Amino acid sequence: MNAINESQEFPRSAAVAATHPTHTFKMLLRREFWEHKGGFLWAPLVAGAILLVLTLMGIGAGEVLLRKVPDRATINVEGGSFQVNGLDLSQLTAKMSPSELHEFGGVIDASLYMAASWPFIVLAFVVFFYCLGSLYDDRRDRSVLFWKSLPISDRDTVLSKVASATLMAPAIAAIAAIATVFGSMVVYSFAVLLHGGNPVTMLWGPASPLKVSMHLLASIPVYALWALPTVGWLMLCSAWAKSKPFLWAIMIPIFAGIFVSWFDLMQLFDLETGWFWKNVVARSLLSVAPGSWFDAAQLGDVDVDGPPGDPLGAEPSHDVLGPRHAAAVGGCAGRRGDDLRRDPPPPLEG
């Protein structure tokens, strides 16, 4: 009864499946994130938090100064005076036309883009120094010997570092920037509520934080393609430099630009020397800066003139501060004009 039937077949354990290549690549990305979590995650978040703190401090300082002004303070200027009857932000948008509200929303969106730029500015430094030390640090501490002992190809290791610099880090920075955008809107709404305004009609209606957020997300693939020259150059220096890869990465392009400029070598290709500095030197060193793909020379002329019919280029503004504001400013301008007519400036010589 207790004898063991040796002929009885026991179920065999299933064979261990081979690791899928995508799983290996995912683990390499996690490795890069764990090793550089401070730069990839915390640096953009801290940059956005610093901006929000500075914004709150600025609003607090403004409130302190505003509390020191009497309710009906009179400000004297040359040629007149005007009264400050407090600050009621509800009057700011009450009499605006739809076109003026649209322009006002554009101003708010511009401030949101500036707020979102803080995590992306930090991203430029993080990606630059990450690529510069990505392969050099492994050789310096000899951890490359451990990774070579694993069944992981050098191709996958390098591609994981490139993907971390061009996709993972910008994606995290974009999320931090979006959080900064909506955090700024909350701070602005708090300031509006303090002065009797309605944040929904004054901020969230005219502004487009969702459009700003979509633009930030859409910039990730553009950044990934644009940053490749700098990422490739920095990783090349990180792979072969025996010491001080930062100096090699910086000095070689700069000295190449000086050499080309000194001997006017670009004249052989009917090109200006500035082309080499812009498309070779700058692309090798500065492509990791978000937004560097915008060429100011291609933006066209900026229209700074006001609406037609007004020689000064200014619309008649609503008198929010007091009824004597326009008269005081007009008196100052008129008196200055009389002084210029009485004492015209001397003619220029030559």
Protein backbone atom coordinates (compact mmCIF):
# COMPACT_ATOMS: atom_id res chain seq x y z
CA MET A 1 0.00 0.00 0.00
CA ASN A 2 2.83 2.40 0.82
CA ALA A 3 4.92 1.41 -2.15
CA ILE A 4 5.67 4.10 -4.60
CA ASN A 5 4.71 3.40 -8.15
CA GLU A 6 7.85 4.43 -9.99
CA SER A 7 6.10 4.10 -13.28
CA GLN A 8 3.63 6.81 -12.32
CA GLU A 9 4.29 9.95 -14.34
CA PHE A 10 4.35 13.21 -12.39
CA PRO A 11 3.44 16.46 -14.15
CA ARG A 12 6.52 18.18 -15.43
CA SER A 13 7.12 21.82 -14.71
CA ALA A 14 6.49 24.09 -17.61
CA ALA A 15 9.54 25.38 -19.43
CA VAL A 16 10.55 28.92 -18.56
CA ALA A 17 9.54 31.24 -21.37
CA ALA A 18 12.16 33.47 -22.92
CA THR A 19 12.13 37.10 -21.90
CA HIS A 20 10.41 39.29 -24.46
CA PRO A 21 12.61 42.07 -25.90
CA THR A 22 10.08 44.74 -24.95
CA HIS A 23 10.14 43.57 -21.35
CA THR A 24 13.93 43.88 -21.28
CA PHE A 25 13.75 47.37 -22.76
CA LYS A 26 11.10 48.35 -20.21
CA MET A 27 13.34 47.18 -17.37
CA LEU A 28 16.23 49.22 -18.81
CA LEU A 29 14.00 52.31 -18.82
CA ARG A 30 13.07 51.64 -15.21
CA ARG A 31 16.74 51.33 -14.37
CA GLU A 32 17.46 54.75 -15.87
CA PHE A 33 14.51 56.25 -14.01
CA TRP A 34 15.56 54.76 -10.67
CA GLU A 35 19.16 55.89 -11.07
CA HIS A 36 18.23 59.45 -12.12
CA LYS A 37 14.94 59.94 -10.31
CA GLY A 38 16.09 63.20 -8.78
CA GLY A 39 16.73 64.82 -12.15
CA PHE A 40 13.90 63.26 -14.12
CA LEU A 41 11.09 63.59 -11.56
CA TRP A 42 11.89 65.85 -8.64
CA ALA A 43 13.77 68.61 -10.46
CA PRO A 44 10.80 69.64 -12.72
CA LEU A 45 8.34 69.32 -9.86
CA VAL A 46 10.48 71.45 -7.56
CA ALA A 47 10.91 74.07 -10.31
CA GLY A 48 7.13 74.33 -10.75
CA ALA A 49 6.61 74.48 -6.99
CA ILE A 50 9.17 77.28 -6.69
CA LEU A 51 7.29 79.28 -9.31
CA LEU A 52 4.01 78.87 -7.46
CA VAL A 53 5.62 79.89 -4.18
CA LEU A 54 7.15 82.98 -5.80
CA THR A 55 3.77 83.85 -7.33
CA LEU A 56 2.09 83.58 -3.92
CA MET A 57 4.82 85.71 -2.38
CA GLY A 58 4.34 88.34 -5.09
CA ILE A 59 0.59 88.40 -4.54
CA GLY A 60 1.12 88.63 -0.80
CA ALA A 61 3.56 91.53 -1.18
CA GLY A 62 1.10 93.30 -3.46
CA GLU A 63 -1.70 92.83 -0.96
CA VAL A 64 0.43 94.27 1.83
CA LEU A 65 1.24 97.34 -0.24
CA LEU A 66 -2.39 97.69 -1.31
CA ARG A 67 -3.58 97.60 2.29
CA LYS A 68 -1.35 100.57 3.07
CA VAL A 69 -3.15 102.71 0.47
CA PRO A 70 -6.27 104.49 1.81
CA ASP A 71 -9.64 103.73 0.24
CA ARG A 72 -9.73 107.08 -1.55
CA ALA A 73 -6.08 107.96 -1.97
CA THR A 74 -5.19 110.95 -4.14
CA ILE A 75 -2.06 110.68 -6.29
CA ASN A 76 -0.64 113.98 -7.50
CA VAL A 77 1.25 114.10 -10.76
CA GLU A 78 2.57 116.97 -12.82
CA GLY A 79 -0.41 118.76 -14.31
CA GLY A 80 -3.15 117.09 -12.27
CA SER A 81 -4.11 114.31 -9.90
CA PHE A 82 -6.33 111.26 -9.78
CA GLN A 83 -7.94 109.16 -7.07
CA VAL A 84 -7.59 105.45 -6.37
CA ASN A 85 -10.96 104.14 -5.21
CA GLY A 86 -9.74 100.67 -4.28
CA LEU A 87 -9.26 97.67 -6.55
CA ASP A 88 -12.38 95.98 -7.88
CA LEU A 89 -11.41 93.40 -10.49
CA SER A 90 -15.01 92.74 -11.43
CA GLN A 91 -14.98 96.03 -13.36
CA LEU A 92 -12.06 94.89 -15.48
CA THR A 93 -14.05 92.50 -17.66
CA ALA A 94 -17.54 93.92 -17.13
CA LYS A 95 -17.31 96.36 -20.05
CA MET A 96 -14.97 94.44 -22.35
CA SER A 97 -16.07 93.52 -25.84
CA PRO A 98 -15.67 89.93 -27.10
CA SER A 99 -12.53 90.87 -29.02
CA GLU A 100 -11.04 92.50 -25.92
CA LEU A 101 -11.87 89.41 -23.85
CA HIS A 102 -10.12 87.30 -26.47
CA GLU A 103 -7.01 89.47 -26.23
CA PHE A 104 -7.21 89.37 -22.44
CA GLY A 105 -7.34 85.57 -22.59
CA GLY A 106 -4.23 85.62 -24.79
CA VAL A 107 -2.42 87.58 -22.10
CA ILE A 108 -3.38 84.97 -19.50
CA ASP A 109 -2.27 82.15 -21.82
CA ALA A 110 1.09 83.90 -22.26
CA SER A 111 1.55 83.94 -18.49
CA LEU A 112 0.68 80.22 -18.39
CA TYR A 113 3.31 79.45 -21.03
CA MET A 114 5.85 81.37 -18.97
CA ALA A 115 4.85 79.40 -15.89
CA ALA A 116 5.19 76.13 -17.82
CA SER A 117 8.66 77.12 -19.00
CA TRP A 118 10.19 76.59 -15.54
CA PRO A 119 10.09 72.75 -15.60
CA PHE A 120 11.28 72.78 -19.22
CA ILE A 121 14.23 75.03 -18.41
CA VAL A 122 15.26 72.53 -15.76
CA LEU A 123 14.73 69.76 -18.33
CA ALA A 124 17.41 71.26 -20.59
CA PHE A 125 20.06 71.05 -17.87
CA VAL A 126 18.94 67.60 -16.72
CA VAL A 127 19.07 66.08 -20.22
CA PHE A 128 22.38 67.77 -21.06
CA PHE A 129 24.28 66.44 -18.06
CA TYR A 130 22.46 63.10 -18.13
CA CYS A 131 23.63 62.42 -21.68
CA LEU A 132 27.10 63.68 -20.86
CA GLY A 133 27.49 61.17 -18.02
CA SER A 134 25.28 58.35 -19.29
CA LEU A 135 28.15 56.16 -20.56
CA TYR A 136 31.10 57.85 -18.87
CA ASP A 137 29.82 57.19 -15.35
CA ASP A 138 29.36 53.47 -16.07
CA ARG A 139 32.97 53.26 -17.25
CA ARG A 140 34.30 55.32 -14.35
CA ASP A 141 32.75 53.20 -11.57
CA ARG A 142 33.20 50.02 -13.66
CA SER A 143 29.52 49.13 -13.39
CA VAL A 144 29.65 48.56 -17.15
CA LEU A 145 31.33 45.21 -16.40
CA PHE A 146 28.30 44.10 -14.43
CA TRP A 147 25.85 45.13 -17.15
CA LYS A 148 27.95 43.40 -19.81
CA SER A 149 27.69 40.16 -17.82
CA LEU A 150 23.91 40.21 -18.25
CA PRO A 151 22.17 39.02 -21.42
CA ILE A 152 21.61 42.60 -22.54
CA SER A 153 23.04 43.97 -25.76
CA ASP A 154 24.91 47.24 -25.96
CA ARG A 155 22.35 48.39 -28.52
CA ASP A 156 19.47 48.06 -26.06
CA THR A 157 21.48 49.83 -23.37
CA VAL A 158 22.26 52.81 -25.60
CA LEU A 159 18.72 52.99 -27.00
CA SER A 160 17.27 52.97 -23.48
CA LYS A 161 19.42 55.95 -22.58
CA VAL A 162 18.40 57.79 -25.75
CA ALA A 163 14.72 57.07 -25.07
CA SER A 164 15.12 58.25 -21.48
CA ALA A 165 16.61 61.56 -22.62
CA THR A 166 14.26 62.25 -25.53
CA LEU A 167 10.96 60.73 -24.40
CA MET A 168 10.77 59.84 -20.73
CA ALA A 169 12.34 63.00 -19.31
CA PRO A 170 10.32 65.38 -21.56
CA ALA A 171 7.10 63.52 -20.76
CA ILE A 172 7.66 63.91 -17.02
CA ALA A 173 8.60 67.56 -17.49
CA ALA A 174 5.43 68.13 -19.54
CA ILE A 175 3.31 66.63 -16.76
CA ALA A 176 5.05 68.87 -14.22
CA ALA A 177 4.49 71.86 -16.51
CA ILE A 178 0.78 71.06 -16.83
CA ALA A 179 0.51 70.80 -13.06
CA THR A 180 2.24 74.19 -12.82
CA VAL A 181 -0.21 75.67 -15.34
CA PHE A 182 -3.29 74.62 -13.39
CA GLY A 183 -1.61 75.51 -10.11
CA SER A 184 -1.03 79.01 -11.49
CA MET A 185 -4.68 79.26 -12.50
CA VAL A 186 -5.70 78.32 -8.96
CA VAL A 187 -3.38 80.97 -7.54
CA TYR A 188 -4.73 83.58 -9.97
CA SER A 189 -8.29 82.60 -9.04
CA PHE A 190 -7.50 83.09 -5.36
CA ALA A 191 -6.16 86.58 -6.09
CA VAL A 192 -9.26 87.43 -8.13
CA LEU A 193 -11.58 86.27 -5.35
CA LEU A 194 -9.79 88.54 -2.89
CA HIS A 195 -10.88 91.56 -4.94
CA GLY A 196 -14.47 90.72 -5.68
CA GLY A 197 -13.93 89.12 -9.07
CA ASN A 198 -15.41 85.96 -10.53
CA PRO A 199 -12.60 83.58 -11.57
CA VAL A 200 -14.87 81.69 -13.95
CA THR A 201 -15.75 84.70 -16.08
CA MET A 202 -12.48 86.56 -15.60
CA LEU A 203 -9.88 83.78 -15.85
CA TRP A 204 -11.16 80.34 -16.80
CA GLY A 205 -13.48 81.67 -19.49
CA PRO A 206 -11.09 83.89 -21.49
CA ALA A 207 -8.01 81.70 -20.87
CA SER A 208 -7.34 78.31 -22.45
CA PRO A 209 -5.38 76.16 -19.98
CA LEU A 210 -6.46 72.97 -21.75
CA LYS A 211 -5.12 74.25 -25.08
CA VAL A 212 -1.86 75.21 -23.38
CA SER A 213 -1.64 71.72 -21.88
CA MET A 214 -2.25 70.08 -25.26
CA HIS A 215 0.49 72.21 -26.80
CA LEU A 216 2.88 71.07 -24.09
CA LEU A 217 2.05 67.41 -24.74
CA ALA A 218 2.33 67.87 -28.49
CA SER A 219 5.82 69.29 -28.08
CA ILE A 220 7.16 65.96 -26.74
CA PRO A 221 7.66 64.22 -30.14
CA VAL A 222 9.00 67.47 -31.62
CA TYR A 223 11.52 67.68 -28.80
CA ALA A 224 12.49 64.03 -29.25
CA LEU A 225 13.45 64.61 -32.89
CA TRP A 226 15.00 68.04 -32.39
CA ALA A 227 17.23 67.00 -29.47
CA LEU A 228 18.78 64.01 -31.25
CA PRO A 229 21.90 65.86 -32.56
CA THR A 230 22.86 67.11 -29.10
CA VAL A 231 21.96 63.80 -27.45
CA GLY A 232 24.05 61.87 -29.97
CA TRP A 233 27.04 64.19 -29.66
CA LEU A 234 27.02 64.22 -25.85
CA MET A 235 26.68 60.44 -25.63
CA LEU A 236 29.52 60.06 -28.13
CA CYS A 237 31.76 62.20 -25.91
CA SER A 238 30.55 60.25 -22.88
CA ALA A 239 31.53 56.97 -24.56
CA TRP A 240 35.10 57.75 -25.67
CA ALA A 241 36.33 60.53 -23.37
CA LYS A 242 38.74 59.16 -20.79
CA SER A 243 38.28 62.17 -18.51
CA LYS A 244 36.43 65.49 -18.41
CA PRO A 245 33.77 64.76 -21.05
CA PHE A 246 32.23 68.18 -20.44
CA LEU A 247 35.30 69.99 -21.77
CA TRP A 248 35.56 67.71 -24.79
CA ALA A 249 31.87 68.14 -25.64
CA ILE A 250 32.01 71.93 -25.37
CA MET A 251 35.42 72.80 -26.74
CA ILE A 252 35.44 70.69 -29.90
CA PRO A 253 32.37 72.39 -31.49
CA ILE A 254 33.44 75.84 -30.33
CA PHE A 255 37.00 75.49 -31.63
CA ALA A 256 35.61 74.06 -34.87
CA GLY A 257 33.45 77.16 -35.24
CA ILE A 258 36.42 79.43 -34.52
CA PHE A 259 38.53 77.57 -37.08
CA VAL A 260 35.81 77.80 -39.74
CA SER A 261 35.27 81.49 -39.02
CA TRP A 262 38.99 82.28 -39.03
CA PHE A 263 39.65 80.82 -42.47
CA ASP A 264 36.19 81.52 -43.97
CA LEU A 265 35.82 77.88 -44.97
CA MET A 266 32.08 78.21 -45.53
CA GLN A 267 32.80 80.43 -48.52
CA LEU A 268 33.75 77.25 -50.37
CA PHE A 269 30.07 76.24 -50.18
CA ASP A 270 28.67 79.75 -50.84
CA LEU A 271 27.44 79.93 -47.25
CA GLU A 272 27.93 82.42 -44.46
CA THR A 273 29.99 81.60 -41.39
CA GLY A 274 26.88 82.08 -39.25
CA TRP A 275 25.36 79.02 -40.93
CA PHE A 276 28.03 76.81 -39.37
CA TRP A 277 27.52 78.30 -35.92
CA LYS A 278 23.75 77.97 -36.16
CA ASN A 279 23.38 74.55 -37.78
CA VAL A 280 26.47 72.75 -36.46
CA VAL A 281 27.73 74.32 -33.23
CA ALA A 282 24.36 75.37 -31.80
CA ARG A 283 22.63 72.17 -32.90
CA SER A 284 25.39 70.11 -31.28
CA LEU A 285 25.15 71.85 -27.91
CA LEU A 286 21.77 73.58 -27.54
CA SER A 287 19.20 71.29 -29.15
CA VAL A 288 18.20 69.89 -25.76
CA ALA A 289 16.74 73.29 -24.84
CA PRO A 290 12.94 73.06 -25.30
CA GLY A 291 11.62 75.60 -27.79
CA SER A 292 14.98 76.11 -29.48
CA TRP A 293 13.36 74.95 -32.73
CA PHE A 294 11.57 78.30 -32.95
CA ASP A 295 13.50 80.54 -35.30
CA ALA A 296 12.93 84.20 -34.44
CA ALA A 297 13.93 85.19 -37.96
CA GLN A 298 10.99 83.24 -39.37
CA LEU A 299 8.34 84.74 -37.11
CA GLY A 300 7.82 87.77 -39.34
CA ASP A 301 7.15 91.32 -38.32
CA VAL A 302 5.48 91.89 -34.99
CA ASP A 303 2.56 94.34 -35.20
CA VAL A 304 2.83 96.67 -32.26
CA ASP A 305 0.55 99.35 -33.67
CA GLY A 306 -2.80 99.97 -32.11
CA PRO A 307 -6.17 99.88 -33.87
CA PRO A 308 -6.57 102.11 -36.96
CA GLY A 309 -7.82 105.62 -36.48
CA ASP A 310 -5.85 106.33 -33.33
CA PRO A 311 -2.45 107.95 -33.98
CA LEU A 312 -1.18 106.94 -30.56
CA GLY A 313 -2.21 103.32 -31.10
CA ALA A 314 -4.33 103.12 -27.93
CA GLU A 315 -7.99 102.38 -27.35
CA PRO A 316 -10.00 104.58 -24.99
CA SER A 317 -9.68 102.60 -21.77
CA HIS A 318 -12.35 102.16 -19.14
CA ASP A 319 -11.83 104.38 -16.12
CA VAL A 320 -11.49 101.86 -13.32
CA LEU A 321 -9.29 103.87 -10.97
CA GLY A 322 -11.29 107.07 -10.91
CA PRO A 323 -13.10 109.67 -13.03
CA ARG A 324 -10.14 112.09 -13.04
CA HIS A 325 -7.58 109.57 -14.28
CA ALA A 326 -7.92 110.35 -17.99
CA ALA A 327 -7.92 114.10 -17.35
CA ALA A 328 -4.73 113.87 -15.29
CA VAL A 329 -2.91 111.84 -17.96
CA GLY A 330 -4.19 114.14 -20.69
CA GLY A 331 -3.03 117.19 -18.75
CA CYS A 332 0.44 115.73 -18.35
CA ALA A 333 0.69 114.91 -22.05
CA GLY A 334 -0.61 118.33 -23.09
CA ARG A 335 1.83 120.18 -20.86
CA ARG A 336 4.74 118.16 -22.13
CA GLY A 337 3.71 118.96 -25.72
CA ASP A 338 3.58 122.70 -24.94
CA ASP A 339 7.09 122.53 -23.46
CA LEU A 340 8.40 120.86 -26.60
CA ARG A 341 6.80 123.48 -28.84
CA ARG A 342 8.29 126.32 -26.78
CA ASP A 343 11.76 124.76 -26.56
CA PRO A 344 12.32 122.52 -29.56
CA PRO A 345 15.36 120.25 -29.38
CA PRO A 346 18.48 121.38 -31.24
CA PRO A 347 19.08 119.86 -34.68
CA LEU A 348 21.43 116.91 -34.94
CA GLU A 349 24.85 117.63 -36.35
CA GLY A 350 26.33 115.64 -39.22
